[in-house]
């Protein structure tokens, strides 16, 4: 992260570099959340979201749009809508998994 952040924030940074930075932050946020470090995980995911939003044109870019947050899930399982759209949430614990598709209005 310490290598990507300054380069991605530099004037004229390529879309590929900004995508790489956003993808790294997204993964970092997910890892931190899985480690129950919710504050730092959320901060990383919000930073990634801000980068994804800055990639133009976001709506025509399926790689970036796929990473644009529709909803978040708290550690206790509460789903909070962030913007309109359909999202599938999958969870797994003790070898049991399940999915639900939610239409956020």
Protein backbone atom coordinates (compact mmCIF):
# COMPACT_ATOMS: atom_id res chain seq x y z
CA UNK A 1 0.00 0.00 0.00
CA UNK A 2 2.79 2.42 0.84
CA UNK A 3 4.14 2.03 -2.70
CA UNK A 4 0.84 2.29 -4.57
CA UNK A 5 -0.77 5.14 -2.64
CA UNK A 6 1.60 7.98 -3.57
CA UNK A 7 1.92 6.85 -7.19
CA UNK A 8 -1.85 6.45 -7.60
CA UNK A 9 -2.50 9.88 -6.05
CA UNK A 10 0.01 11.62 -8.32
CA UNK A 11 -1.25 13.91 -11.04
CA UNK A 12 -1.68 11.97 -14.26
CA UNK A 13 -1.74 8.52 -12.60
CA UNK A 14 -2.97 5.91 -15.07
CA UNK A 15 -6.35 4.25 -14.75
CA UNK A 16 -4.58 0.89 -14.42
CA UNK A 17 -2.56 2.17 -11.45
CA UNK A 18 -5.62 3.67 -9.77
CA UNK A 19 -7.50 0.37 -10.30
CA UNK A 20 -4.60 -1.56 -8.77
CA UNK A 21 -4.61 0.74 -5.75
CA UNK A 22 -8.38 0.46 -5.32
CA UNK A 23 -8.27 -3.33 -5.70
CA UNK A 24 -5.50 -3.60 -3.11
CA UNK A 25 -7.45 -1.41 -0.67
CA UNK A 26 -10.59 -3.48 -1.29
CA UNK A 27 -8.78 -6.71 -0.48
CA UNK A 28 -7.11 -5.13 2.56
CA UNK A 29 -10.50 -3.99 3.84
CA UNK A 30 -11.97 -7.47 3.43
CA UNK A 31 -9.01 -9.08 5.22
CA UNK A 32 -9.19 -6.61 8.09
CA UNK A 33 -12.94 -7.16 8.40
CA UNK A 34 -12.46 -10.94 8.49
CA UNK A 35 -9.93 -10.36 11.27
CA UNK A 36 -12.68 -8.46 13.12
CA UNK A 37 -10.78 -5.17 12.78
CA UNK A 38 -13.93 -3.41 11.67
CA UNK A 39 -12.76 0.20 12.04
CA UNK A 40 -9.64 -0.17 9.92
CA UNK A 41 -11.42 -2.50 7.51
CA UNK A 42 -14.22 0.00 6.93
CA UNK A 43 -11.71 2.82 6.46
CA UNK A 44 -9.86 0.81 3.79
CA UNK A 45 -13.11 -0.09 2.01
CA UNK A 46 -14.32 3.52 2.06
CA UNK A 47 -10.96 4.69 0.67
CA UNK A 48 -11.23 2.05 -2.08
CA UNK A 49 -14.77 3.18 -2.87
CA UNK A 50 -13.60 6.78 -3.24
CA UNK A 51 -10.92 5.65 -5.70
CA UNK A 52 -13.34 3.47 -7.69
CA UNK A 53 -15.73 6.44 -7.90
CA UNK A 54 -12.93 8.59 -9.32
CA UNK A 55 -12.27 6.30 -12.26
CA UNK A 56 -13.98 7.75 -15.33
CA UNK A 57 -16.30 6.70 -16.76
CA UNK A 58 -17.27 4.46 -13.85
CA UNK A 59 -20.66 3.40 -15.20
CA UNK A 60 -19.16 2.21 -18.49
CA UNK A 61 -16.31 0.39 -16.75
CA UNK A 62 -17.51 -3.03 -15.59
CA UNK A 63 -14.32 -3.77 -13.59
CA UNK A 64 -14.71 -0.60 -11.54
CA UNK A 65 -18.50 -0.79 -11.37
CA UNK A 66 -18.32 -4.30 -9.93
CA UNK A 67 -16.39 -2.92 -6.99
CA UNK A 68 -18.72 0.02 -6.37
CA UNK A 69 -20.40 -0.58 -3.00
CA UNK A 70 -24.14 -1.18 -3.00
CA UNK A 71 -24.44 -2.37 0.61
CA UNK A 72 -22.34 -3.11 3.66
CA UNK A 73 -22.75 -5.87 6.23
CA UNK A 74 -21.88 -5.31 9.88
CA UNK A 75 -20.14 -7.88 12.05
CA UNK A 76 -23.52 -8.82 13.51
CA UNK A 77 -25.04 -9.30 10.05
CA UNK A 78 -27.00 -6.07 9.65
CA UNK A 79 -27.16 -5.01 5.98
CA UNK A 80 -27.08 -1.27 5.24
CA UNK A 81 -27.85 0.00 1.74
CA UNK A 82 -25.39 2.50 0.28
CA UNK A 83 -26.97 3.10 -3.13
CA UNK A 84 -29.66 1.57 -5.34
CA UNK A 85 -28.91 -1.75 -6.94
CA UNK A 86 -29.02 -5.49 -6.52
CA UNK A 87 -26.39 -7.20 -4.40
CA UNK A 88 -25.79 -10.83 -3.48
CA UNK A 89 -24.40 -11.40 0.00
CA UNK A 90 -22.77 -14.71 0.85
CA UNK A 91 -21.71 -15.85 4.31
CA UNK A 92 -19.96 -18.95 5.60
CA UNK A 93 -19.30 -20.26 9.10
CA UNK A 94 -18.43 -23.67 10.48
CA UNK A 95 -18.71 -25.26 7.05
CA UNK A 96 -22.23 -23.91 6.44
CA UNK A 97 -22.81 -21.23 3.83
CA UNK A 98 -25.73 -19.29 2.46
CA UNK A 99 -26.52 -16.47 0.07
CA UNK A 100 -29.22 -13.87 -0.25
CA UNK A 101 -29.92 -11.42 -3.05
CA UNK A 102 -31.13 -7.99 -1.91
CA UNK A 103 -32.65 -5.23 -4.01
CA UNK A 104 -31.52 -1.94 -2.44
CA UNK A 105 -33.82 1.01 -3.27
